[in-house]
Amino acid sequence: MIMPYTAKIKVTLRQSILDVQGKAVEHALKNLGYHTVESARIGKYIEVTINEESLMEAERICNEISQKLLSNPVMENYSFELEQVN
């Protein structure tokens, strides 16, 4: 039976990559008086609904779309959580 799964995907720059947007946010926060903010990094959050028969197949698809489209494997890491929609 086909079930809908919600994939919650987070894409972030690898630690070795300079995050220019994150540095700008960090600087702005300090200018606003938030001196305890040590660092900021910017990423992406994507939700995708996948209709599949098994959690394993939904995970495979989520990995594929994250690698092929949603992230740049040279510069970014991704992680995801899958939830079955009731």
PDB file of N, CA and C in Angstrom:
ATOM      1  N   MET A   1       0.838  -1.177   0.000  1.00  0.00           N
ATOM      2  CA  MET A   1       0.000   0.000   0.000  1.00  0.00           C
ATOM      3  C   MET A   1       0.890   1.251   0.000  1.00  0.00           C
ATOM      4  N   ILE A   2       0.569   2.204  -0.828  1.00  0.00           N
ATOM      5  CA  ILE A   2       1.352   3.433  -0.920  1.00  0.00           C
ATOM      6  C   ILE A   2       0.972   4.358   0.231  1.00  0.00           C
ATOM      7  N   MET A   3       2.015   4.873   0.904  1.00  0.00           N
ATOM      8  CA  MET A   3       1.829   5.772   2.042  1.00  0.00           C
ATOM      9  C   MET A   3       2.567   7.084   1.765  1.00  0.00           C
ATOM     10  N   PRO A   4       2.002   8.199   2.211  1.00  0.00           N
ATOM     11  CA  PRO A   4       2.732   9.459   2.073  1.00  0.00           C
ATOM     12  C   PRO A   4       3.713   9.649   3.239  1.00  0.00           C
ATOM     13  N   TYR A   5       4.904  10.066   2.899  1.00  0.00           N
ATOM     14  CA  TYR A   5       5.935  10.403   3.886  1.00  0.00           C
ATOM     15  C   TYR A   5       6.336  11.851   3.676  1.00  0.00           C
ATOM     16  N   THR A   6       6.522  12.572   4.773  1.00  0.00           N
ATOM     17  CA  THR A   6       7.046  13.927   4.697  1.00  0.00           C
ATOM     18  C   THR A   6       8.535  13.865   4.995  1.00  0.00           C
ATOM     19  N   ALA A   7       9.327  14.341   4.047  1.00  0.00           N
ATOM     20  CA  ALA A   7      10.775  14.416   4.233  1.00  0.00           C
ATOM     21  C   ALA A   7      11.117  15.844   4.630  1.00  0.00           C
ATOM     22  N   LYS A   8      11.770  15.995   5.778  1.00  0.00           N
ATOM     23  CA  LYS A   8      12.234  17.304   6.250  1.00  0.00           C
ATOM     24  C   LYS A   8      13.745  17.319   6.065  1.00  0.00           C
ATOM     25  N   ILE A   9      14.179  18.094   5.077  1.00  0.00           N
ATOM     26  CA  ILE A   9      15.576  18.064   4.631  1.00  0.00           C
ATOM     27  C   ILE A   9      16.271  19.365   5.025  1.00  0.00           C
ATOM     28  N   LYS A  10      17.444  19.226   5.663  1.00  0.00           N
ATOM     29  CA  LYS A  10      18.271  20.384   6.015  1.00  0.00           C
ATOM     30  C   LYS A  10      19.556  20.318   5.195  1.00  0.00           C
ATOM     31  N   VAL A  11      19.895  21.420   4.564  1.00  0.00           N
ATOM     32  CA  VAL A  11      21.122  21.511   3.766  1.00  0.00           C
ATOM     33  C   VAL A  11      21.966  22.637   4.369  1.00  0.00           C
ATOM     34  N   THR A  12      23.212  22.318   4.702  1.00  0.00           N
ATOM     35  CA  THR A  12      24.116  23.306   5.291  1.00  0.00           C
ATOM     36  C   THR A  12      25.462  23.264   4.584  1.00  0.00           C
ATOM     37  N   LEU A  13      26.141  24.393   4.615  1.00  0.00           N
ATOM     38  CA  LEU A  13      27.494  24.430   4.063  1.00  0.00           C
ATOM     39  C   LEU A  13      28.419  23.581   4.914  1.00  0.00           C
ATOM     40  N   ARG A  14      29.376  22.946   4.280  1.00  0.00           N
ATOM     41  CA  ARG A  14      30.390  22.199   5.029  1.00  0.00           C
ATOM     42  C   ARG A  14      31.168  23.181   5.900  1.00  0.00           C
ATOM     43  N   GLN A  15      31.660  22.696   7.024  1.00  0.00           N
ATOM     44  CA  GLN A  15      32.384  23.562   7.967  1.00  0.00           C
ATOM     45  C   GLN A  15      33.583  24.255   7.315  1.00  0.00           C
ATOM     46  N   SER A  16      34.204  23.620   6.343  1.00  0.00           N
ATOM     47  CA  SER A  16      35.401  24.178   5.711  1.00  0.00           C
ATOM     48  C   SER A  16      35.072  25.292   4.709  1.00  0.00           C
ATOM     49  N   ILE A  17      33.796  25.497   4.400  1.00  0.00           N
ATOM     50  CA  ILE A  17      33.383  26.498   3.421  1.00  0.00           C
ATOM     51  C   ILE A  17      33.018  27.797   4.145  1.00  0.00           C
ATOM     52  N   LEU A  18      33.581  28.908   3.695  1.00  0.00           N
ATOM     53  CA  LEU A  18      33.257  30.203   4.271  1.00  0.00           C
ATOM     54  C   LEU A  18      31.804  30.548   3.987  1.00  0.00           C
ATOM     55  N   ASP A  19      31.058  30.872   5.034  1.00  0.00           N
ATOM     56  CA  ASP A  19      29.641  31.217   4.921  1.00  0.00           C
ATOM     57  C   ASP A  19      29.510  32.740   4.988  1.00  0.00           C
ATOM     58  N   VAL A  20      29.518  33.378   3.835  1.00  0.00           N
ATOM     59  CA  VAL A  20      29.480  34.837   3.759  1.00  0.00           C
ATOM     60  C   VAL A  20      28.180  35.375   4.348  1.00  0.00           C
ATOM     61  N   GLN A  21      27.045  34.758   4.028  1.00  0.00           N
ATOM     62  CA  GLN A  21      25.768  35.198   4.581  1.00  0.00           C
ATOM     63  C   GLN A  21      25.747  35.036   6.101  1.00  0.00           C
ATOM     64  N   GLY A  22      26.258  33.926   6.586  1.00  0.00           N
ATOM     65  CA  GLY A  22      26.314  33.696   8.023  1.00  0.00           C
ATOM     66  C   GLY A  22      27.169  34.742   8.718  1.00  0.00           C
ATOM     67  N   LYS A  23      28.290  35.103   8.128  1.00  0.00           N
ATOM     68  CA  LYS A  23      29.162  36.144   8.700  1.00  0.00           C
ATOM     69  C   LYS A  23      28.444  37.488   8.743  1.00  0.00           C
ATOM     70  N   ALA A  24      27.669  37.805   7.693  1.00  0.00           N
ATOM     71  CA  ALA A  24      26.916  39.065   7.670  1.00  0.00           C
ATOM     72  C   ALA A  24      25.873  39.079   8.787  1.00  0.00           C
ATOM     73  N   VAL A  25      25.182  37.957   8.985  1.00  0.00           N
ATOM     74  CA  VAL A  25      24.183  37.866  10.061  1.00  0.00           C
ATOM     75  C   VAL A  25      24.862  37.981  11.420  1.00  0.00           C
ATOM     76  N   GLU A  26      25.966  37.291  11.593  1.00  0.00           N
ATOM     77  CA  GLU A  26      26.729  37.354  12.842  1.00  0.00           C
ATOM     78  C   GLU A  26      27.129  38.800  13.153  1.00  0.00           C
ATOM     79  N   HIS A  27      27.652  39.501  12.157  1.00  0.00           N
ATOM     80  CA  HIS A  27      28.069  40.893  12.332  1.00  0.00           C
ATOM     81  C   HIS A  27      26.869  41.777  12.683  1.00  0.00           C
ATOM     82  N   ALA A  28      25.753  41.588  11.986  1.00  0.00           N
ATOM     83  CA  ALA A  28      24.549  42.379  12.253  1.00  0.00           C
ATOM     84  C   ALA A  28      24.014  42.126  13.663  1.00  0.00           C
ATOM     85  N   LEU A  29      24.034  40.890  14.102  1.00  0.00           N
ATOM     86  CA  LEU A  29      23.561  40.580  15.455  1.00  0.00           C
ATOM     87  C   LEU A  29      24.425  41.258  16.513  1.00  0.00           C
ATOM     88  N   LYS A  30      25.722  41.258  16.305  1.00  0.00           N
ATOM     89  CA  LYS A  30      26.622  41.933  17.253  1.00  0.00           C
ATOM     90  C   LYS A  30      26.374  43.432  17.251  1.00  0.00           C
ATOM     91  N   ASN A  31      26.109  44.002  16.064  1.00  0.00           N
ATOM     92  CA  ASN A  31      25.785  45.431  15.982  1.00  0.00           C
ATOM     93  C   ASN A  31      24.484  45.764  16.698  1.00  0.00           C
ATOM     94  N   LEU A  32      23.576  44.794  16.770  1.00  0.00           N
ATOM     95  CA  LEU A  32      22.307  44.990  17.480  1.00  0.00           C
ATOM     96  C   LEU A  32      22.441  44.759  18.984  1.00  0.00           C
ATOM     97  N   GLY A  33      23.635  44.421  19.425  1.00  0.00           N
ATOM     98  CA  GLY A  33      23.869  44.260  20.856  1.00  0.00           C
ATOM     99  C   GLY A  33      23.870  42.820  21.347  1.00  0.00           C
ATOM    100  N   TYR A  34      23.765  41.867  20.459  1.00  0.00           N
ATOM    101  CA  TYR A  34      23.776  40.456  20.853  1.00  0.00           C
ATOM    102  C   TYR A  34      25.211  39.936  20.851  1.00  0.00           C
ATOM    103  N   HIS A  35      25.984  40.396  21.837  1.00  0.00           N
ATOM    104  CA  HIS A  35      27.414  40.098  21.877  1.00  0.00           C
ATOM    105  C   HIS A  35      27.711  38.657  22.281  1.00  0.00           C
ATOM    106  N   THR A  36      26.724  37.955  22.810  1.00  0.00           N
ATOM    107  CA  THR A  36      26.948  36.563  23.200  1.00  0.00           C
ATOM    108  C   THR A  36      26.789  35.601  22.021  1.00  0.00           C
ATOM    109  N   VAL A  37      26.317  36.104  20.878  1.00  0.00           N
ATOM    110  CA  VAL A  37      26.217  35.261  19.688  1.00  0.00           C
ATOM    111  C   VAL A  37      27.629  35.041  19.166  1.00  0.00           C
ATOM    112  N   GLU A  38      28.058  33.796  19.162  1.00  0.00           N
ATOM    113  CA  GLU A  38      29.421  33.484  18.761  1.00  0.00           C
ATOM    114  C   GLU A  38      29.562  33.331  17.251  1.00  0.00           C
ATOM    115  N   SER A  39      28.560  32.687  16.621  1.00  0.00           N
ATOM    116  CA  SER A  39      28.638  32.500  15.175  1.00  0.00           C
ATOM    117  C   SER A  39      27.243  32.245  14.627  1.00  0.00           C
ATOM    118  N   ALA A  40      27.127  32.410  13.310  1.00  0.00           N
ATOM    119  CA  ALA A  40      25.870  32.130  12.618  1.00  0.00           C
ATOM    120  C   ALA A  40      26.213  31.503  11.272  1.00  0.00           C
ATOM    121  N   ARG A  41      25.432  30.521  10.878  1.00  0.00           N
ATOM    122  CA  ARG A  41      25.596  29.893   9.573  1.00  0.00           C
ATOM    123  C   ARG A  41      24.221  29.788   8.942  1.00  0.00           C
ATOM    124  N   ILE A  42      24.157  29.991   7.650  1.00  0.00           N
ATOM    125  CA  ILE A  42      22.893  29.988   6.913  1.00  0.00           C
ATOM    126  C   ILE A  42      22.776  28.662   6.149  1.00  0.00           C
ATOM    127  N   GLY A  43      21.561  28.119   6.120  1.00  0.00           N
ATOM    128  CA  GLY A  43      21.317  26.882   5.395  1.00  0.00           C
ATOM    129  C   GLY A  43      19.955  26.926   4.728  1.00  0.00           C
ATOM    130  N   LYS A  44      19.510  25.769   4.257  1.00  0.00           N
ATOM    131  CA  LYS A  44      18.205  25.652   3.596  1.00  0.00           C
ATOM    132  C   LYS A  44      17.398  24.571   4.311  1.00  0.00           C
ATOM    133  N   TYR A  45      16.083  24.758   4.317  1.00  0.00           N
ATOM    134  CA  TYR A  45      15.160  23.762   4.862  1.00  0.00           C
ATOM    135  C   TYR A  45      14.111  23.498   3.795  1.00  0.00           C
ATOM    136  N   ILE A  46      13.926  22.237   3.452  1.00  0.00           N
ATOM    137  CA  ILE A  46      12.989  21.858   2.389  1.00  0.00           C
ATOM    138  C   ILE A  46      12.095  20.739   2.914  1.00  0.00           C
ATOM    139  N   GLU A  47      10.795  20.838   2.648  1.00  0.00           N
ATOM    140  CA  GLU A  47       9.868  19.741   2.948  1.00  0.00           C
ATOM    141  C   GLU A  47       9.342  19.171   1.641  1.00  0.00           C
ATOM    142  N   VAL A  48       9.383  17.855   1.534  1.00  0.00           N
ATOM    143  CA  VAL A  48       8.941  17.153   0.336  1.00  0.00           C
ATOM    144  C   VAL A  48       8.021  16.013   0.768  1.00  0.00           C
ATOM    145  N   THR A  49       6.910  15.840   0.062  1.00  0.00           N
ATOM    146  CA  THR A  49       6.046  14.688   0.313  1.00  0.00           C
ATOM    147  C   THR A  49       6.372  13.615  -0.712  1.00  0.00           C
ATOM    148  N   ILE A  50       6.642  12.403  -0.217  1.00  0.00           N
ATOM    149  CA  ILE A  50       7.008  11.276  -1.063  1.00  0.00           C
ATOM    150  C   ILE A  50       5.967  10.178  -0.840  1.00  0.00           C
ATOM    151  N   ASN A  51       5.342   9.730  -1.898  1.00  0.00           N
ATOM    152  CA  ASN A  51       4.362   8.646  -1.816  1.00  0.00           C
ATOM    153  C   ASN A  51       5.052   7.342  -2.214  1.00  0.00           C
ATOM    154  N   GLU A  52       5.249   6.467  -1.244  1.00  0.00           N
ATOM    155  CA  GLU A  52       5.946   5.207  -1.496  1.00  0.00           C
ATOM    156  C   GLU A  52       5.345   4.091  -0.656  1.00  0.00           C
ATOM    157  N   GLU A  53       5.705   2.866  -1.006  1.00  0.00           N
ATOM    158  CA  GLU A  53       5.184   1.696  -0.296  1.00  0.00           C
ATOM    159  C   GLU A  53       5.938   1.398   0.993  1.00  0.00           C
ATOM    160  N   SER A  54       7.194   1.828   1.082  1.00  0.00           N
ATOM    161  CA  SER A  54       7.977   1.522   2.283  1.00  0.00           C
ATOM    162  C   SER A  54       8.828   2.714   2.696  1.00  0.00           C
ATOM    163  N   LEU A  55       9.155   2.737   3.974  1.00  0.00           N
ATOM    164  CA  LEU A  55      10.035   3.769   4.507  1.00  0.00           C
ATOM    165  C   LEU A  55      11.409   3.683   3.847  1.00  0.00           C
ATOM    166  N   MET A  56      11.875   2.474   3.613  1.00  0.00           N
ATOM    167  CA  MET A  56      13.185   2.283   2.991  1.00  0.00           C
ATOM    168  C   MET A  56      13.248   2.906   1.599  1.00  0.00           C
ATOM    169  N   GLU A  57      12.197   2.743   0.814  1.00  0.00           N
ATOM    170  CA  GLU A  57      12.162   3.320  -0.534  1.00  0.00           C
ATOM    171  C   GLU A  57      12.054   4.849  -0.459  1.00  0.00           C
ATOM    172  N   ALA A  58      11.286   5.353   0.487  1.00  0.00           N
ATOM    173  CA  ALA A  58      11.184   6.808   0.672  1.00  0.00           C
ATOM    174  C   ALA A  58      12.545   7.385   1.069  1.00  0.00           C
ATOM    175  N   GLU A  59      13.301   6.672   1.905  1.00  0.00           N
ATOM    176  CA  GLU A  59      14.649   7.116   2.288  1.00  0.00           C
ATOM    177  C   GLU A  59      15.570   7.136   1.071  1.00  0.00           C
ATOM    178  N   ARG A  60      15.484   6.116   0.232  1.00  0.00           N
ATOM    179  CA  ARG A  60      16.324   6.053  -0.972  1.00  0.00           C
ATOM    180  C   ARG A  60      16.050   7.248  -1.882  1.00  0.00           C
ATOM    181  N   ILE A  61      14.779   7.543  -2.079  1.00  0.00           N
ATOM    182  CA  ILE A  61      14.396   8.678  -2.933  1.00  0.00           C
ATOM    183  C   ILE A  61      14.854   9.988  -2.321  1.00  0.00           C
ATOM    184  N   CYS A  62      14.677  10.127  -1.022  1.00  0.00           N
ATOM    185  CA  CYS A  62      15.099  11.357  -0.346  1.00  0.00           C
ATOM    186  C   CYS A  62      16.608  11.566  -0.488  1.00  0.00           C
ATOM    187  N   ASN A  63      17.380  10.500  -0.332  1.00  0.00           N
ATOM    188  CA  ASN A  63      18.830  10.590  -0.536  1.00  0.00           C
ATOM    189  C   ASN A  63      19.163  11.017  -1.957  1.00  0.00           C
ATOM    190  N   GLU A  64      18.500  10.415  -2.926  1.00  0.00           N
ATOM    191  CA  GLU A  64      18.766  10.738  -4.334  1.00  0.00           C
ATOM    192  C   GLU A  64      18.467  12.200  -4.650  1.00  0.00           C
ATOM    193  N   ILE A  65      17.289  12.676  -4.253  1.00  0.00           N
ATOM    194  CA  ILE A  65      16.941  14.063  -4.598  1.00  0.00           C
ATOM    195  C   ILE A  65      17.810  15.059  -3.840  1.00  0.00           C
ATOM    196  N   SER A  66      18.228  14.686  -2.638  1.00  0.00           N
ATOM    197  CA  SER A  66      19.118  15.570  -1.872  1.00  0.00           C
ATOM    198  C   SER A  66      20.479  15.668  -2.540  1.00  0.00           C
ATOM    199  N   GLN A  67      20.994  14.533  -3.027  1.00  0.00           N
ATOM    200  CA  GLN A  67      22.301  14.520  -3.684  1.00  0.00           C
ATOM    201  C   GLN A  67      22.269  15.154  -5.066  1.00  0.00           C
ATOM    202  N   LYS A  68      21.208  14.874  -5.839  1.00  0.00           N
ATOM    203  CA  LYS A  68      21.168  15.307  -7.233  1.00  0.00           C
ATOM    204  C   LYS A  68      20.664  16.729  -7.438  1.00  0.00           C
ATOM    205  N   LEU A  69      19.797  17.211  -6.546  1.00  0.00           N
ATOM    206  CA  LEU A  69      19.162  18.494  -6.804  1.00  0.00           C
ATOM    207  C   LEU A  69      19.235  19.484  -5.647  1.00  0.00           C
ATOM    208  N   LEU A  70      18.966  19.033  -4.445  1.00  0.00           N
ATOM    209  CA  LEU A  70      18.779  19.966  -3.334  1.00  0.00           C
ATOM    210  C   LEU A  70      20.072  20.435  -2.691  1.00  0.00           C
ATOM    211  N   SER A  71      21.163  19.716  -2.891  1.00  0.00           N
ATOM    212  CA  SER A  71      22.440  20.131  -2.306  1.00  0.00           C
ATOM    213  C   SER A  71      23.548  20.046  -3.348  1.00  0.00           C
ATOM    214  N   ASN A  72      24.613  20.747  -3.066  1.00  0.00           N
ATOM    215  CA  ASN A  72      25.834  20.662  -3.868  1.00  0.00           C
ATOM    216  C   ASN A  72      26.813  19.826  -3.049  1.00  0.00           C
ATOM    217  N   PRO A  73      27.012  18.556  -3.391  1.00  0.00           N
ATOM    218  CA  PRO A  73      27.837  17.666  -2.570  1.00  0.00           C
ATOM    219  C   PRO A  73      29.282  18.134  -2.358  1.00  0.00           C
ATOM    220  N   VAL A  74      29.765  19.004  -3.220  1.00  0.00           N
ATOM    221  CA  VAL A  74      31.127  19.516  -3.063  1.00  0.00           C
ATOM    222  C   VAL A  74      31.208  20.497  -1.894  1.00  0.00           C
ATOM    223  N   MET A  75      30.141  21.280  -1.699  1.00  0.00           N
ATOM    224  CA  MET A  75      30.167  22.354  -0.698  1.00  0.00           C
ATOM    225  C   MET A  75      29.206  22.164   0.469  1.00  0.00           C
ATOM    226  N   GLU A  76      28.220  21.284   0.314  1.00  0.00           N
ATOM    227  CA  GLU A  76      27.155  21.204   1.306  1.00  0.00           C
ATOM    228  C   GLU A  76      26.952  19.788   1.835  1.00  0.00           C
ATOM    229  N   ASN A  77      26.450  19.731   3.057  1.00  0.00           N
ATOM    230  CA  ASN A  77      25.997  18.492   3.670  1.00  0.00           C
ATOM    231  C   ASN A  77      24.482  18.547   3.758  1.00  0.00           C
ATOM    232  N   TYR A  78      23.861  17.388   3.850  1.00  0.00           N
ATOM    233  CA  TYR A  78      22.424  17.369   4.063  1.00  0.00           C
ATOM    234  C   TYR A  78      22.074  16.289   5.082  1.00  0.00           C
ATOM    235  N   SER A  79      20.954  16.486   5.725  1.00  0.00           N
ATOM    236  CA  SER A  79      20.387  15.473   6.610  1.00  0.00           C
ATOM    237  C   SER A  79      18.884  15.557   6.447  1.00  0.00           C
ATOM    238  N   PHE A  80      18.197  14.494   6.809  1.00  0.00           N
ATOM    239  CA  PHE A  80      16.745  14.515   6.682  1.00  0.00           C
ATOM    240  C   PHE A  80      16.087  13.612   7.709  1.00  0.00           C
ATOM    241  N   GLU A  81      14.833  13.911   7.953  1.00  0.00           N
ATOM    242  CA  GLU A  81      13.957  13.077   8.779  1.00  0.00           C
ATOM    243  C   GLU A  81      12.740  12.750   7.936  1.00  0.00           C
ATOM    244  N   LEU A  82      12.270  11.544   8.057  1.00  0.00           N
ATOM    245  CA  LEU A  82      11.059  11.128   7.345  1.00  0.00           C
ATOM    246  C   LEU A  82       9.959  10.833   8.366  1.00  0.00           C
ATOM    247  N   GLU A  83       8.781  11.351   8.106  1.00  0.00           N
ATOM    248  CA  GLU A  83       7.635  11.084   8.962  1.00  0.00           C
ATOM    249  C   GLU A  83       6.514  10.555   8.100  1.00  0.00           C
ATOM    250  N   GLN A  84       5.882   9.497   8.556  1.00  0.00           N
ATOM    251  CA  GLN A  84       4.716   8.975   7.841  1.00  0.00           C
ATOM    252  C   GLN A  84       3.531   9.887   8.133  1.00  0.00           C
ATOM    253  N   VAL A  85       2.845  10.299   7.082  1.00  0.00           N
ATOM    254  CA  VAL A  85       1.665  11.168   7.226  1.00  0.00           C
ATOM    255  C   VAL A  85       0.473  10.276   7.485  1.00  0.00           C
ATOM    256  N   ASN A  86      -0.269  10.616   8.512  1.00  0.00           N
ATOM    257  CA  ASN A  86      -1.462   9.798   8.850  1.00  0.00           C
ATOM    258  C   ASN A  86      -2.672  10.238   8.092  1.00  0.00           C
TER     259      ASN A  86
END
